[in-house]
Protein backbone atom coordinates (compact mmCIF):
# COMPACT_ATOMS: atom_id res chain seq x y z
CA MET A 1 15.95 5.68 -4.97
CA ASP A 2 16.35 3.73 -1.29
CA CYS A 3 17.07 4.55 2.27
CA ASN A 4 18.32 1.78 4.65
CA GLY A 5 17.82 -0.81 1.66
CA CYS A 6 14.13 0.43 1.56
CA GLU A 7 13.02 1.08 -2.00
CA PHE A 8 11.00 3.98 -2.86
CA ARG A 9 9.31 4.94 -6.10
CA PRO A 10 8.50 8.53 -6.59
CA GLU A 11 5.94 8.25 -9.29
CA LEU A 12 3.61 6.47 -6.65
CA TYR A 13 1.16 8.04 -4.08
CA TYR A 14 1.74 7.48 -0.54
CA ASP A 15 0.02 7.81 2.91
CA ASP A 16 1.62 9.99 5.50
CA GLU A 17 3.00 7.09 7.37
CA TYR A 18 4.40 5.28 4.04
CA GLN A 19 2.62 2.09 5.00
CA ILE A 20 0.75 1.93 1.40
CA TRP A 21 1.25 3.08 -2.13
CA VAL A 22 -1.40 4.02 -4.51
CA ARG A 23 -0.75 4.09 -8.49
CA LEU A 24 -3.35 5.56 -10.81
CA GLU A 25 -4.11 3.08 -13.56
CA GLU A 26 -5.27 4.06 -17.38
CA ASP A 27 -8.74 3.00 -16.83
CA GLY A 28 -9.29 5.28 -13.66
CA LEU A 29 -9.01 2.51 -10.94
CA MET A 30 -6.22 2.88 -8.35
CA SER A 31 -4.05 -0.22 -7.37
CA VAL A 32 -3.10 -0.33 -3.73
CA GLY A 33 -0.09 -2.21 -2.27
CA MET A 34 2.21 -2.17 0.60
CA THR A 35 5.52 -0.20 0.64
CA ASP A 36 9.01 -1.72 1.32
CA ILE A 37 8.98 -0.09 4.87
CA SER A 38 5.35 -1.83 5.75
CA GLN A 39 6.84 -5.41 4.30
CA ALA A 40 9.98 -5.24 6.52
CA ILE A 41 8.40 -4.03 9.57
CA ALA A 42 5.58 -6.99 9.12
CA GLY A 43 7.98 -9.86 8.25
CA LYS A 44 6.85 -12.78 6.26
CA ILE A 45 3.30 -12.03 5.03
CA LEU A 46 1.18 -15.31 5.63
CA HIS A 47 -2.36 -14.16 4.45
CA VAL A 48 -4.22 -11.52 2.68
CA ARG A 49 -7.80 -10.73 2.70
CA VAL A 50 -9.60 -8.32 0.60
CA ARG A 51 -12.99 -7.05 0.94
CA LYS A 52 -15.61 -8.10 -1.80
CA PRO A 53 -15.84 -6.39 -5.13
CA GLY A 54 -18.46 -3.81 -4.83
CA THR A 55 -17.80 -3.02 -1.08
CA LEU A 56 -17.80 0.76 -0.41
CA ARG A 57 -15.03 1.87 1.90
CA PRO A 58 -15.21 5.37 3.41
CA ALA A 59 -11.96 6.87 4.32
CA GLY A 60 -10.51 5.54 7.46
CA ARG A 61 -11.96 1.88 6.81
CA PRO A 62 -9.63 -0.49 5.55
CA VAL A 63 -9.52 -2.25 2.07
CA ALA A 64 -7.86 -5.36 2.98
CA THR A 65 -6.39 -6.98 5.98
CA ILE A 66 -2.71 -8.54 6.24
CA GLU A 67 -1.36 -11.29 8.68
CA SER A 68 2.33 -11.91 9.10
CA ALA A 69 4.16 -13.98 11.86
CA LYS A 70 4.64 -10.78 13.68
CA TRP A 71 1.81 -8.67 13.11
CA ALA A 72 -1.98 -8.63 11.59
CA GLY A 73 -3.69 -5.31 10.63
CA PRO A 74 -5.54 -3.41 8.28
CA VAL A 75 -4.53 -1.90 4.82
CA PRO A 76 -5.45 1.62 5.41
CA ASN A 77 -7.67 3.81 3.22
CA LEU A 78 -7.61 7.30 3.09
CA PHE A 79 -10.38 8.38 0.64
CA ASP A 80 -13.97 6.98 -0.08
CA CYS A 81 -13.87 4.13 -2.71
CA ALA A 82 -15.05 0.85 -3.92
CA ILE A 83 -13.45 -2.29 -3.77
CA ASP A 84 -13.12 -3.23 -7.69
CA GLY A 85 -11.00 -6.47 -6.99
CA ALA A 86 -8.34 -8.30 -5.42
CA ASN A 87 -4.92 -9.56 -6.92
CA HIS A 88 -5.48 -13.24 -6.92
CA GLN A 89 -1.67 -13.77 -7.32
CA VAL A 90 -1.17 -12.15 -3.85
CA LEU A 91 -4.04 -14.00 -2.39
CA ASP A 92 -2.45 -17.44 -3.59
CA ASN A 93 0.81 -16.19 -2.60
CA PRO A 94 1.08 -13.48 -0.13
CA ALA A 95 4.84 -13.71 0.21
CA LEU A 96 4.89 -11.80 -3.37
CA LEU A 97 4.23 -8.70 -1.08
CA ASN A 98 7.71 -9.22 0.65
CA ARG A 99 9.53 -10.20 -2.64
CA GLN A 100 8.21 -7.75 -4.86
CA PRO A 101 6.22 -4.98 -2.75
CA TYR A 102 5.65 -2.42 -5.62
CA GLU A 103 4.62 -5.31 -8.35
CA ALA A 104 2.28 -6.86 -5.95
CA TRP A 105 -0.49 -4.93 -5.55
CA ILE A 106 -3.07 -6.03 -3.04
CA ALA A 107 -6.44 -4.58 -4.12
CA ARG A 108 -7.76 -2.22 -7.18
CA VAL A 109 -10.48 0.62 -6.00
CA ARG A 110 -12.49 3.07 -7.65
CA PRO A 111 -12.72 6.63 -5.82
CA THR A 112 -16.28 7.27 -5.27
CA GLY A 113 -15.69 10.92 -4.84
CA THR A 114 -13.51 13.12 -7.05
CA LEU A 115 -10.21 11.94 -8.40
CA ALA A 116 -8.61 15.14 -7.26
CA ALA A 117 -10.22 14.29 -3.52
CA ALA A 118 -8.71 11.08 -3.66
CA LEU A 119 -5.24 12.29 -4.51
CA ALA A 120 -5.31 15.12 -2.26
CA ALA A 121 -5.37 12.57 0.56
CA LEU A 122 -1.98 11.29 -0.46
CA VAL A 123 1.51 12.52 -0.91
CA THR A 124 3.87 11.86 -4.02
CA GLY A 125 7.04 12.84 -5.82
CA ASP A 126 9.74 14.90 -3.55
CA ALA A 127 7.38 15.29 -0.53
CA ALA A 128 7.13 11.71 -0.43
CA TRP A 129 10.30 11.00 -0.74
CA ALA A 130 11.35 13.47 2.12
CA GLY A 131 8.72 12.11 4.10
CA TYR A 132 9.49 8.25 3.32
CA ARG A 133 13.27 8.81 3.90
CA GLU A 134 12.48 10.66 7.30
CA ARG A 135 10.23 7.63 8.67
CA CYS A 136 12.93 5.07 7.21
CA GLU A 137 15.58 6.89 9.22
CA ARG A 138 13.86 7.96 12.53
CA ASP A 139 12.23 4.25 13.14
CA ASP A 140 15.81 2.70 12.05
CA ILE A 141 13.82 0.61 9.36
CA GLN A 142 16.10 -1.77 7.52
CA CYS A 143 14.45 -3.47 4.30
CA LYS A 144 15.29 -6.86 3.41
CA ARG A 145 13.38 -9.04 0.89
CA ILE A 146 12.23 -12.16 2.32
């Protein structure tokens, strides 16, 4: 599925601004990445920094920071978690976030509360697609892979 060339994956969980996606892994960890909308807005990603493994991050405190030629800012966090690790391929080659935003996860986190509470802070499925499409159209975001 896509809107204005911005890929959407309905099986993932998203924040309500469609900046990040979250995937529940089989081991109970959650992978966090940038959406196609985010990578398009940011432009060429130049640097990624992830907090140290074991670091506790309350909701509202970022799990990572990203710098691009146009922008620098946080990777938002919507639920209490602990950092499990960073994707070293992305740290070594941040442009992967531009080329493969849904394969190139940034960090893996473990919810410190219940899984249900973590997932309740996110949107998925048809509701996520409706919001994603609305954001893409409202802000006239055109996605291109760099």
